[in-house]
């Protein structure tokens, strides 16, 4: 597909509501998206074309990293990397070829050594910064290695272990549920044994350093990853892309794929204002909305509905820019009923003058099931968007 790309002045917006897909709950008229009052999205759905996307494959629950790679037209399996690399890129950490990057969750552990809160009550970012300084001061890495701690946001942080011959094939320490102790780092291949031992030592020191903390008294390690390079969106598709995102990990994905990253934003209004400001200077815009996913993971149906409605209320400011292609979707489903990511396909809406309208009247999972895009791999979405933007030439004679 990359060989079919042609350049023009068409502009594309990907408005990504993280964790958009949902499930019905008792006493609710439908999923979070179906329950939300979204007159502007519904109007676009009537004129555009809708469908459902499988981020990885039917039945597979995706992580945010591979799902976003799929959104931008990359094979989510072949390009899958640990979340630590995405975190490091999001913080613009100066990575080297000797670095092993790890995503950290500050967590709460009881006196029996069991995790009672995998997110330490979603501590604020200032507390996170204090804890990272504390770990930096108290942890002493093994000879020949260095260790760096950096705050992401709220309960999320980054650890970078720097040394020779470090490996990423190690079990994550997050048990993924409460009531269990952290999982000990274990080498998945013999070559990773030395790295696993280094991590065990770091965790023991971290446990001691954080023992006097009321909430964040332990760290959980996830997403081990060495540094990788990827072909950029500019090289593949001839795009001049901009990412507008508040959370570091999504800014990191954008950097890894060669996008320019706008200054950090804190609110939906700031993200739309950034889009308006940068509109003349780019032709592809990735606008990321995080709270839909956060409220889904909290199991808070009503608050997720409110986030979707807030996005809809700002949609006229986006459509006034008159993008040639506007895509509204999510990277995966995070139903409040499950309080976690799920395998359910994600609703998608594409608005362009070249759409062949379908029979969808409202933007929701049930309506999208009969939409003109059908059910397709998420990695095909970029193809469709480029085609509607007139950026793909004919294949074959």
Protein backbone atom coordinates (compact mmCIF):
# COMPACT_ATOMS: atom_id res chain seq x y z
CA UNK A 1 0.00 0.00 0.00
CA UNK A 2 2.88 2.38 0.77
CA UNK A 3 3.89 2.32 -2.91
CA UNK A 4 0.48 3.69 -3.95
CA UNK A 5 0.80 6.89 -1.92
CA UNK A 6 0.59 10.23 -3.69
CA UNK A 7 0.89 13.68 -2.13
CA UNK A 8 -1.75 16.39 -2.14
CA UNK A 9 -3.03 19.11 0.17
CA UNK A 10 -5.82 17.06 1.79
CA UNK A 11 -6.02 17.18 5.58
CA UNK A 12 -6.95 14.23 7.79
CA UNK A 13 -7.99 14.21 11.45
CA UNK A 14 -7.96 11.08 13.63
CA UNK A 15 -10.02 11.91 16.74
CA UNK A 16 -9.26 8.99 19.04
CA UNK A 17 -11.36 8.52 22.16
CA UNK A 18 -9.26 6.00 24.04
CA UNK A 19 -11.26 2.96 25.16
CA UNK A 20 -14.36 4.19 23.32
CA UNK A 21 -16.11 0.83 22.90
CA UNK A 22 -18.37 -0.33 25.72
CA UNK A 23 -21.07 -2.68 26.93
CA UNK A 24 -24.60 -2.12 28.29
CA UNK A 25 -25.14 -2.09 32.05
CA UNK A 26 -28.28 -2.69 34.07
CA UNK A 27 -30.61 0.28 34.00
CA UNK A 28 -28.86 1.89 31.00
CA UNK A 29 -30.33 2.19 27.48
CA UNK A 30 -27.19 0.82 25.81
CA UNK A 31 -23.42 1.12 25.83
CA UNK A 32 -21.72 4.28 27.04
CA UNK A 33 -21.57 5.62 23.46
CA UNK A 34 -25.20 4.67 22.78
CA UNK A 35 -26.33 6.24 26.06
CA UNK A 36 -24.46 9.51 25.50
CA UNK A 37 -26.25 12.39 23.80
CA UNK A 38 -24.10 12.95 20.71
CA UNK A 39 -26.09 14.98 18.17
CA UNK A 40 -23.01 16.13 16.26
CA UNK A 41 -21.51 12.64 15.92
CA UNK A 42 -24.92 11.29 14.92
CA UNK A 43 -25.22 13.92 12.20
CA UNK A 44 -21.81 12.96 10.84
CA UNK A 45 -22.76 9.28 10.99
CA UNK A 46 -25.84 9.90 8.83
CA UNK A 47 -23.77 11.56 6.12
CA UNK A 48 -20.60 9.47 6.46
CA UNK A 49 -19.82 5.79 6.76
CA UNK A 50 -19.45 3.64 9.87
CA UNK A 51 -18.23 0.23 10.92
CA UNK A 52 -16.38 -1.78 13.54
CA UNK A 53 -12.64 -2.28 13.96
CA UNK A 54 -10.70 -5.21 15.39
CA UNK A 55 -7.46 -3.76 16.83
CA UNK A 56 -5.49 -7.02 16.71
CA UNK A 57 -7.83 -9.86 15.69
CA UNK A 58 -11.31 -11.03 16.74
CA UNK A 59 -11.33 -12.16 20.35
CA UNK A 60 -7.93 -10.66 21.20
CA UNK A 61 -7.82 -8.02 23.95
CA UNK A 62 -5.32 -5.34 22.89
CA UNK A 63 -2.93 -3.20 24.84
CA UNK A 64 -2.86 0.50 24.06
CA UNK A 65 0.51 0.30 22.31
CA UNK A 66 -0.26 -2.24 19.57
CA UNK A 67 -3.76 -0.81 19.14
CA UNK A 68 -2.35 2.62 18.35
CA UNK A 69 0.21 1.19 15.95
CA UNK A 70 -2.72 -0.48 14.17
CA UNK A 71 -4.60 2.82 14.00
CA UNK A 72 -1.74 4.33 12.03
CA UNK A 73 -1.50 1.45 9.55
CA UNK A 74 1.24 -0.65 11.15
CA UNK A 75 0.99 -4.38 11.76
CA UNK A 76 0.22 -4.50 15.51
CA UNK A 77 1.94 -7.85 15.99
CA UNK A 78 5.14 -7.23 14.03
CA UNK A 79 5.59 -3.76 15.56
CA UNK A 80 4.59 -4.71 19.11
CA UNK A 81 6.95 -3.20 21.69
CA UNK A 82 6.92 -3.06 25.44
CA UNK A 83 5.15 -0.15 27.05
CA UNK A 84 8.36 0.98 28.67
CA UNK A 85 9.71 2.10 25.31
CA UNK A 86 6.52 4.05 24.64
CA UNK A 87 6.77 5.70 28.04
CA UNK A 88 10.40 6.65 27.47
CA UNK A 89 9.61 8.11 24.05
CA UNK A 90 6.64 9.97 25.50
CA UNK A 91 8.87 11.65 28.07
CA UNK A 92 11.49 12.31 25.38
CA UNK A 93 13.98 10.40 27.51
CA UNK A 94 17.44 10.34 25.85
CA UNK A 95 17.54 6.61 25.11
CA UNK A 96 20.64 4.66 24.09
CA UNK A 97 21.16 1.19 22.64
CA UNK A 98 22.14 -0.02 26.16
CA UNK A 99 18.79 0.87 27.75
CA UNK A 100 16.04 -1.37 29.06
CA UNK A 101 12.88 0.72 29.53
CA UNK A 102 10.09 -0.28 31.92
CA UNK A 103 6.68 1.12 32.70
CA UNK A 104 6.03 1.49 36.44
CA UNK A 105 2.80 1.53 38.38
CA UNK A 106 3.06 2.79 41.93
CA UNK A 107 0.89 0.41 43.96
CA UNK A 108 -0.39 -0.23 47.47
CA UNK A 109 0.68 -3.43 49.25
CA UNK A 110 -0.66 -4.66 52.62
CA UNK A 111 1.31 -6.18 55.51
CA UNK A 112 0.80 -9.67 54.05
CA UNK A 113 2.55 -8.63 50.85
CA UNK A 114 -0.63 -8.56 48.76
CA UNK A 115 -1.46 -5.80 46.29
CA UNK A 116 -4.60 -3.96 47.42
CA UNK A 117 -4.53 -1.19 44.79
CA UNK A 118 -2.61 -1.54 41.53
CA UNK A 119 -2.70 2.24 41.02
CA UNK A 120 -2.05 3.46 44.58
CA UNK A 121 -5.34 5.35 44.58
CA UNK A 122 -4.31 7.17 41.40
CA UNK A 123 -1.90 9.40 43.32
CA UNK A 124 -1.38 12.84 41.87
CA UNK A 125 1.53 13.69 39.61
CA UNK A 126 3.28 15.81 42.23
CA UNK A 127 3.37 12.84 44.61
CA UNK A 128 4.76 10.73 41.78
CA UNK A 129 7.56 13.23 41.23
CA UNK A 130 8.45 13.13 44.92
CA UNK A 131 8.51 9.33 44.90
CA UNK A 132 10.76 9.23 41.84
CA UNK A 133 13.20 11.58 43.56
CA UNK A 134 13.11 9.36 46.63
CA UNK A 135 13.87 6.22 44.61
CA UNK A 136 16.67 8.00 42.74
CA UNK A 137 18.30 8.96 46.04
CA UNK A 138 17.95 5.60 47.80
CA UNK A 139 18.42 2.93 45.13
CA UNK A 140 21.96 1.90 44.28
CA UNK A 141 22.25 -0.02 40.99
CA UNK A 142 24.64 -2.95 40.56
CA UNK A 143 28.18 -2.20 39.38
CA UNK A 144 28.35 -1.50 35.66
CA UNK A 145 24.74 -0.32 35.47
CA UNK A 146 22.80 2.92 35.88
CA UNK A 147 19.16 3.42 36.77
CA UNK A 148 16.89 6.39 36.01
CA UNK A 149 13.42 7.21 37.36
CA UNK A 150 11.03 9.62 35.64
CA UNK A 151 7.43 10.62 36.31
CA UNK A 152 4.81 10.05 33.63
CA UNK A 153 1.49 11.06 35.16
CA UNK A 154 -0.53 10.19 38.25
CA UNK A 155 0.51 6.66 39.32
CA UNK A 156 2.56 5.92 36.19
CA UNK A 157 6.33 6.29 35.96
CA UNK A 158 9.33 5.12 33.96
CA UNK A 159 12.41 3.18 34.99
CA UNK A 160 15.35 2.91 32.62
CA UNK A 161 18.10 0.42 33.45
CA UNK A 162 21.28 1.08 31.48
CA UNK A 163 23.97 -1.54 31.04
CA UNK A 164 25.48 -4.12 28.75
CA UNK A 165 23.60 -7.14 27.37
CA UNK A 166 20.29 -6.35 29.05
CA UNK A 167 17.30 -8.40 27.87
CA UNK A 168 13.55 -7.79 27.80
CA UNK A 169 12.34 -11.42 27.93
CA UNK A 170 11.30 -11.28 31.60
CA UNK A 171 7.96 -11.77 33.37
CA UNK A 172 6.15 -8.59 34.39
CA UNK A 173 5.66 -8.10 38.14
CA UNK A 174 2.09 -6.76 37.97
CA UNK A 175 -0.29 -9.62 38.93
CA UNK A 176 -3.09 -7.75 37.07
CA UNK A 177 -5.46 -8.16 40.02
CA UNK A 178 -5.62 -7.29 43.68
CA UNK A 179 -5.25 -9.78 46.51
CA UNK A 180 -2.07 -11.28 45.07
CA UNK A 181 1.59 -10.52 45.74
CA UNK A 182 3.77 -8.96 43.04
CA UNK A 183 5.16 -11.49 40.57
CA UNK A 184 8.91 -12.04 40.87
CA UNK A 185 10.88 -11.15 37.71
CA UNK A 186 11.68 -14.42 35.97
CA UNK A 187 13.80 -14.92 32.88
CA UNK A 188 11.82 -16.35 29.95
CA UNK A 189 15.03 -17.33 28.15
CA UNK A 190 18.39 -18.25 29.69
CA UNK A 191 20.06 -15.12 28.26
CA UNK A 192 17.75 -12.95 30.39
CA UNK A 193 18.69 -14.48 33.76
CA UNK A 194 21.25 -11.82 34.65
CA UNK A 195 18.82 -9.01 33.85
CA UNK A 196 16.09 -10.68 35.95
CA UNK A 197 18.49 -10.81 38.90
CA UNK A 198 19.25 -7.10 38.49
CA UNK A 199 15.53 -6.30 38.57
CA UNK A 200 14.98 -8.42 41.69
CA UNK A 201 17.64 -6.37 43.43
CA UNK A 202 16.07 -3.09 42.31
CA UNK A 203 12.64 -4.17 43.54
CA UNK A 204 13.96 -5.19 46.95
CA UNK A 205 15.55 -1.77 47.33
CA UNK A 206 12.37 -0.05 46.13
CA UNK A 207 10.29 -1.96 48.68
CA UNK A 208 12.53 -0.73 51.49
CA UNK A 209 12.67 2.83 50.14
CA UNK A 210 8.87 3.08 49.92
CA UNK A 211 8.03 1.19 53.12
CA UNK A 212 6.99 4.36 54.97
CA UNK A 213 4.58 5.52 52.25
CA UNK A 214 0.85 5.27 53.13
CA UNK A 215 -0.31 4.50 49.58
CA UNK A 216 2.50 4.06 47.07
CA UNK A 217 4.60 1.57 49.02
CA UNK A 218 5.52 -0.70 46.10
CA UNK A 219 6.23 -0.54 42.37
CA UNK A 220 5.01 -2.91 39.66
CA UNK A 221 7.05 -3.36 36.48
CA UNK A 222 5.47 -3.80 33.04
CA UNK A 223 6.34 -3.51 29.39
CA UNK A 224 10.09 -4.22 29.30
CA UNK A 225 11.53 -2.99 26.03
CA UNK A 226 14.83 -2.25 24.35
CA UNK A 227 15.12 0.66 21.94
CA UNK A 228 13.65 0.16 18.42
CA UNK A 229 13.41 2.35 15.32
CA UNK A 230 10.32 2.52 13.10
CA UNK A 231 9.60 3.82 9.62
CA UNK A 232 7.84 7.17 9.99
CA UNK A 233 4.41 8.26 8.76
CA UNK A 234 6.19 10.76 6.55
CA UNK A 235 8.34 8.09 4.91
CA UNK A 236 5.46 5.66 4.46
CA UNK A 237 2.56 7.94 3.57
CA UNK A 238 4.08 11.31 2.69
CA UNK A 239 2.29 12.94 5.62
CA UNK A 240 3.30 15.92 7.77
CA UNK A 241 1.71 14.70 11.01
CA UNK A 242 1.04 16.34 14.37
CA UNK A 243 0.07 14.61 17.61
CA UNK A 244 -2.01 16.36 20.28
CA UNK A 245 -2.13 14.24 23.43
CA UNK A 246 -1.96 14.78 27.17
CA UNK A 247 -0.58 11.40 28.30
CA UNK A 248 3.12 10.70 27.76
CA UNK A 249 2.69 7.20 26.34
CA UNK A 250 0.62 8.40 23.38
CA UNK A 251 3.04 11.23 22.79
CA UNK A 252 5.72 8.53 22.78
CA UNK A 253 3.95 6.47 20.13
CA UNK A 254 3.71 9.60 18.03
CA UNK A 255 7.44 10.33 18.40
CA UNK A 256 8.39 6.75 17.51
CA UNK A 257 6.38 7.11 14.30
CA UNK A 258 7.96 10.44 13.40
CA UNK A 259 5.11 12.75 14.33
CA UNK A 260 5.73 16.24 15.62
CA UNK A 261 4.29 16.42 19.14
CA UNK A 262 2.42 19.49 20.33
CA UNK A 263 3.12 20.93 23.78
CA UNK A 264 1.35 18.96 26.56
CA UNK A 265 -2.31 19.75 27.07
CA UNK A 266 -4.48 19.25 30.16
CA UNK A 267 -8.09 19.55 28.97
CA UNK A 268 -10.22 18.69 25.96
CA UNK A 269 -10.66 22.40 25.27
CA UNK A 270 -6.89 22.86 25.17
CA UNK A 271 -6.55 19.99 22.70
CA UNK A 272 -9.10 21.51 20.32
CA UNK A 273 -7.46 24.92 20.66
CA UNK A 274 -4.12 23.30 19.78
CA UNK A 275 -5.71 21.73 16.70
CA UNK A 276 -7.05 25.11 15.59
CA UNK A 277 -3.68 26.79 16.13
CA UNK A 278 -1.68 24.16 14.26
CA UNK A 279 -4.21 23.65 11.44
CA UNK A 280 -2.31 25.57 8.71
CA UNK A 281 0.98 23.77 9.36
CA UNK A 282 0.17 20.04 9.07
CA UNK A 283 -1.92 17.66 7.01
CA UNK A 284 -2.47 14.78 9.48
CA UNK A 285 -3.67 15.33 13.05
CA UNK A 286 -3.80 12.71 15.80
CA UNK A 287 -5.99 14.06 18.61
CA UNK A 288 -6.03 11.74 21.62
CA UNK A 289 -8.73 11.79 24.33
CA UNK A 290 -7.68 9.81 27.41
CA UNK A 291 -10.54 10.21 29.97
CA UNK A 292 -12.90 7.84 28.12
CA UNK A 293 -10.46 5.02 28.87
CA UNK A 294 -9.74 6.14 32.44
CA UNK A 295 -13.42 6.29 33.37
CA UNK A 296 -13.97 2.89 31.75
CA UNK A 297 -11.12 1.38 33.77
CA UNK A 298 -12.64 2.93 36.89
CA UNK A 299 -15.89 1.10 36.13
CA UNK A 300 -17.67 4.47 36.04
CA UNK A 301 -20.30 4.23 33.29
CA UNK A 302 -21.88 7.64 33.88
CA UNK A 303 -18.58 9.52 33.88
CA UNK A 304 -17.49 7.83 30.66
CA UNK A 305 -20.79 8.96 29.12
CA UNK A 306 -20.03 12.53 30.23
CA UNK A 307 -16.62 12.47 28.56
CA UNK A 308 -18.14 11.30 25.28
CA UNK A 309 -20.76 14.08 25.50
CA UNK A 310 -18.03 16.64 26.21
CA UNK A 311 -16.17 15.56 23.07
CA UNK A 312 -19.37 15.82 21.04
CA UNK A 313 -20.00 19.34 22.32
CA UNK A 314 -16.60 20.41 20.96
CA UNK A 315 -17.05 18.69 17.60
CA UNK A 316 -18.38 21.79 15.77
CA UNK A 317 -15.02 23.48 16.33
CA UNK A 318 -13.39 20.56 14.53
CA UNK A 319 -15.82 20.41 11.63
CA UNK A 320 -15.50 24.19 11.11
CA UNK A 321 -11.91 23.51 10.05
CA UNK A 322 -13.39 21.51 7.13
CA UNK A 323 -11.03 18.54 7.18
CA UNK A 324 -11.08 16.46 4.01
CA UNK A 325 -11.32 13.33 6.17
CA UNK A 326 -12.45 13.12 9.79
CA UNK A 327 -12.19 9.78 11.57
CA UNK A 328 -13.75 9.29 15.01
CA UNK A 329 -13.00 6.05 16.81
CA UNK A 330 -11.05 4.52 19.70
CA UNK A 331 -7.98 2.37 20.00
CA UNK A 332 -9.82 -0.41 21.84
CA UNK A 333 -12.90 -1.01 23.98
CA UNK A 334 -12.86 -0.35 27.73
CA UNK A 335 -16.36 -1.18 28.97
CA UNK A 336 -17.16 0.22 32.41
CA UNK A 337 -18.99 -3.06 33.00
CA UNK A 338 -15.63 -4.85 32.86
CA UNK A 339 -13.41 -2.02 34.19
CA UNK A 340 -10.69 -3.14 31.80
CA UNK A 341 -9.72 -3.38 28.15
CA UNK A 342 -11.76 -5.91 26.21
CA UNK A 343 -11.76 -7.77 22.89
CA UNK A 344 -14.98 -6.15 21.62
CA UNK A 345 -14.63 -4.39 18.25
CA UNK A 346 -14.46 -0.60 18.28
CA UNK A 347 -17.03 1.65 16.57
CA UNK A 348 -15.64 3.91 13.85
CA UNK A 349 -17.07 6.86 11.93
CA UNK A 350 -15.49 8.31 8.80
CA UNK A 351 -16.69 11.60 7.35
CA UNK A 352 -15.60 12.76 3.88
CA UNK A 353 -17.18 14.13 0.71
CA UNK A 354 -16.36 10.84 -1.01
CA UNK A 355 -18.31 8.66 1.44
CA UNK A 356 -20.93 6.27 0.17
CA UNK A 357 -23.56 6.81 2.90
CA UNK A 358 -24.87 3.76 4.72
CA UNK A 359 -28.01 3.34 6.80
CA UNK A 360 -26.48 4.28 10.14
CA UNK A 361 -28.57 6.89 11.95
CA UNK A 362 -26.68 7.09 15.25
CA UNK A 363 -23.04 6.61 16.17
CA UNK A 364 -23.06 3.56 18.43
CA UNK A 365 -21.92 -0.03 18.51
CA UNK A 366 -25.25 -1.52 17.43
CA UNK A 367 -25.71 0.86 14.49
CA UNK A 368 -22.09 0.51 13.40
CA UNK A 369 -22.59 -3.24 13.10
CA UNK A 370 -24.59 -2.56 9.90
CA UNK A 371 -22.35 0.25 8.66
CA UNK A 372 -20.80 0.45 5.22
CA UNK A 373 -17.24 -0.11 6.44
CA UNK A 374 -18.27 -3.46 7.85
CA UNK A 375 -15.99 -5.11 10.37
CA UNK A 376 -12.35 -4.78 9.38
CA UNK A 377 -8.86 -4.90 10.87
CA UNK A 378 -7.91 -1.63 12.52
CA UNK A 379 -4.66 -1.61 10.54
CA UNK A 380 -6.75 -1.10 7.37
CA UNK A 381 -8.23 2.16 8.64
CA UNK A 382 -5.31 4.26 7.42
CA UNK A 383 -5.74 2.81 3.91
CA UNK A 384 -9.37 3.90 3.87
CA UNK A 385 -8.61 7.36 5.24
CA UNK A 386 -5.85 7.95 2.68
CA UNK A 387 -8.12 6.77 -0.11
CA UNK A 388 -10.88 9.20 0.88
CA UNK A 389 -8.25 11.95 1.03
CA UNK A 390 -7.24 11.18 -2.57
CA UNK A 391 -3.78 10.13 -1.41
CA UNK A 392 -3.70 6.65 -3.01
CA UNK A 393 -3.31 5.98 -6.69
CA UNK A 394 -4.65 2.97 -8.62
CA UNK A 395 -3.12 -0.46 -8.14
CA UNK A 396 -2.17 -2.27 -11.33
CA UNK A 397 -2.81 -1.57 -14.99
